[in-house]
Amino acid sequence: RQLPSVTPAVDILESETEILLRVDMPGISRENITINIDNGTMTLAGTRELSKTGVPNWSEVHDLEFHRTFSIPQSIDLAKVNAALQDGVLNLHLPKSESAKPRQIEIKVG
C-alpha cells in the first residue's frame, strides 16, 4: 500500500565545530530511519507504522513516510557524522573538518 509522504520539520544550527540538524519525526523508531550521504547530498527517509487495536472512532494520526534531502558542504567530515533519536527528534551531528574550522593566525615579528 502507498503511504502518504511528508516532509519533516527541521532546525539547522551551526557552531564553529559542527552543523546540527534537529529533525521532527514523531512516532518513528530508529530501525525505520535511513540516512544516506552520497556525492554531496544527504537523504533522510523513514516510515511510521502505528499499531492499531480496537475499532477507531476518530483517526487523525496515520501511517506515513518521511522524506527530506539536503546539500552537504564539502567542509563536513563524513567519517565523523553521527545521529541519535530521542523523543521523536532525530539529532544529526555533522562535524566540520579541521580545515574548515576557524583559527587564529599568529603574527610574527619579521
Protein backbone atom coordinates (compact mmCIF):
# COMPACT_ATOMS: atom_id res chain seq x y z
CA ARG A 1 0.00 0.00 0.00
CA GLN A 2 1.12 3.54 -0.71
CA LEU A 3 1.68 5.68 2.40
CA PRO A 4 1.31 9.46 2.40
CA SER A 5 4.71 11.18 2.25
CA VAL A 6 5.51 14.18 4.43
CA THR A 7 8.48 16.50 4.78
CA PRO A 8 9.63 16.57 8.41
CA ALA A 9 10.25 19.92 10.12
CA VAL A 10 13.97 20.63 10.61
CA ASP A 11 16.01 23.10 12.66
CA ILE A 12 19.58 23.68 11.47
CA LEU A 13 22.09 25.05 13.97
CA GLU A 14 25.71 25.86 13.14
CA SER A 15 28.64 26.29 15.52
CA GLU A 16 32.36 26.59 14.94
CA THR A 17 32.75 22.80 15.13
CA GLU A 18 29.61 21.32 13.57
CA ILE A 19 26.27 21.66 11.85
CA LEU A 20 23.41 20.14 13.86
CA LEU A 21 20.11 19.13 12.28
CA ARG A 22 17.13 18.51 14.56
CA VAL A 23 14.53 16.58 12.59
CA ASP A 24 11.00 16.16 13.94
CA MET A 25 9.97 12.53 13.34
CA PRO A 26 7.30 11.68 15.94
CA GLY A 27 6.31 8.06 16.38
CA ILE A 28 9.11 6.63 14.24
CA SER A 29 11.56 4.04 15.54
CA ARG A 30 15.27 4.14 14.86
CA GLU A 31 15.08 0.91 12.85
CA ASN A 32 12.75 2.59 10.35
CA ILE A 33 15.04 5.56 9.55
CA THR A 34 17.69 5.62 6.83
CA ILE A 35 20.31 8.31 6.37
CA ASN A 36 22.36 8.26 3.17
CA ILE A 37 25.11 10.65 2.11
CA ASP A 38 26.26 10.42 -1.48
CA ASN A 39 28.04 12.92 -3.70
CA GLY A 40 27.26 15.96 -1.54
CA THR A 41 23.61 15.06 -0.94
CA MET A 42 22.14 13.71 2.29
CA THR A 43 18.78 11.94 2.18
CA LEU A 44 16.70 11.23 5.29
CA ALA A 45 13.84 8.75 4.97
CA GLY A 46 11.67 6.84 7.36
CA THR A 47 8.38 5.04 7.78
CA ARG A 48 5.97 5.37 10.68
CA GLU A 49 3.59 2.45 11.05
CA LEU A 50 1.32 2.66 14.07
CA SER A 51 -0.10 -0.40 15.75
CA LYS A 52 -3.87 -0.37 15.73
CA THR A 53 -6.02 -2.14 18.28
CA GLY A 54 -9.76 -1.80 18.51
CA VAL A 55 -12.15 -0.02 16.18
CA PRO A 56 -11.23 3.63 15.60
CA ASN A 57 -13.98 6.17 16.27
CA TRP A 58 -11.82 9.03 15.04
CA SER A 59 -8.39 8.96 13.41
CA GLU A 60 -6.07 11.89 12.71
CA VAL A 61 -2.70 10.16 13.16
CA HIS A 62 -1.80 7.83 10.29
CA ASP A 63 0.98 5.66 8.97
CA LEU A 64 3.25 7.73 6.74
CA GLU A 65 6.64 8.16 5.13
CA PHE A 66 9.08 10.93 5.99
CA HIS A 67 11.46 12.17 3.31
CA ARG A 68 13.91 15.11 3.16
CA THR A 69 17.03 15.88 1.10
CA PHE A 70 19.86 18.31 1.92
CA SER A 71 23.03 19.50 0.21
CA ILE A 72 26.07 18.82 2.40
CA PRO A 73 29.03 21.23 2.31
CA GLN A 74 32.43 19.81 1.41
CA SER A 75 33.71 21.04 4.78
CA ILE A 76 31.89 18.22 6.63
CA ASP A 77 33.98 15.32 7.95
CA LEU A 78 31.81 12.44 6.67
CA ALA A 79 33.64 9.82 8.75
CA LYS A 80 32.51 11.52 11.97
CA VAL A 81 28.82 12.12 11.16
CA ASN A 82 26.54 10.61 13.83
CA ALA A 83 22.85 10.57 14.69
CA ALA A 84 20.68 9.92 17.75
CA LEU A 85 16.90 9.59 18.04
CA GLN A 86 15.26 10.75 21.27
CA ASP A 87 11.61 11.57 21.98
CA GLY A 88 10.72 11.70 18.27
CA VAL A 89 13.56 14.09 17.39
CA LEU A 90 16.49 12.94 15.27
CA ASN A 91 19.68 14.86 16.17
CA LEU A 92 22.10 14.62 13.28
CA HIS A 93 25.63 15.90 14.02
CA LEU A 94 27.72 16.92 11.02
CA PRO A 95 31.23 17.76 12.33
CA LYS A 96 33.31 20.20 10.33
CA SER A 97 36.73 19.07 9.12
CA GLU A 98 39.74 20.66 10.80
CA SER A 99 40.50 22.76 7.70
CA ALA A 100 37.00 24.32 7.84
CA LYS A 101 37.16 25.35 11.50
CA PRO A 102 38.04 28.96 12.30
CA ARG A 103 41.53 29.51 13.59
CA GLN A 104 43.63 32.34 14.94
CA ILE A 105 46.68 33.31 12.89
CA GLU A 106 49.69 34.40 14.91
CA ILE A 107 51.57 37.42 13.62
CA LYS A 108 55.32 37.07 13.93
CA VAL A 109 57.80 39.88 14.18
CA GLY A 110 59.77 39.95 10.98
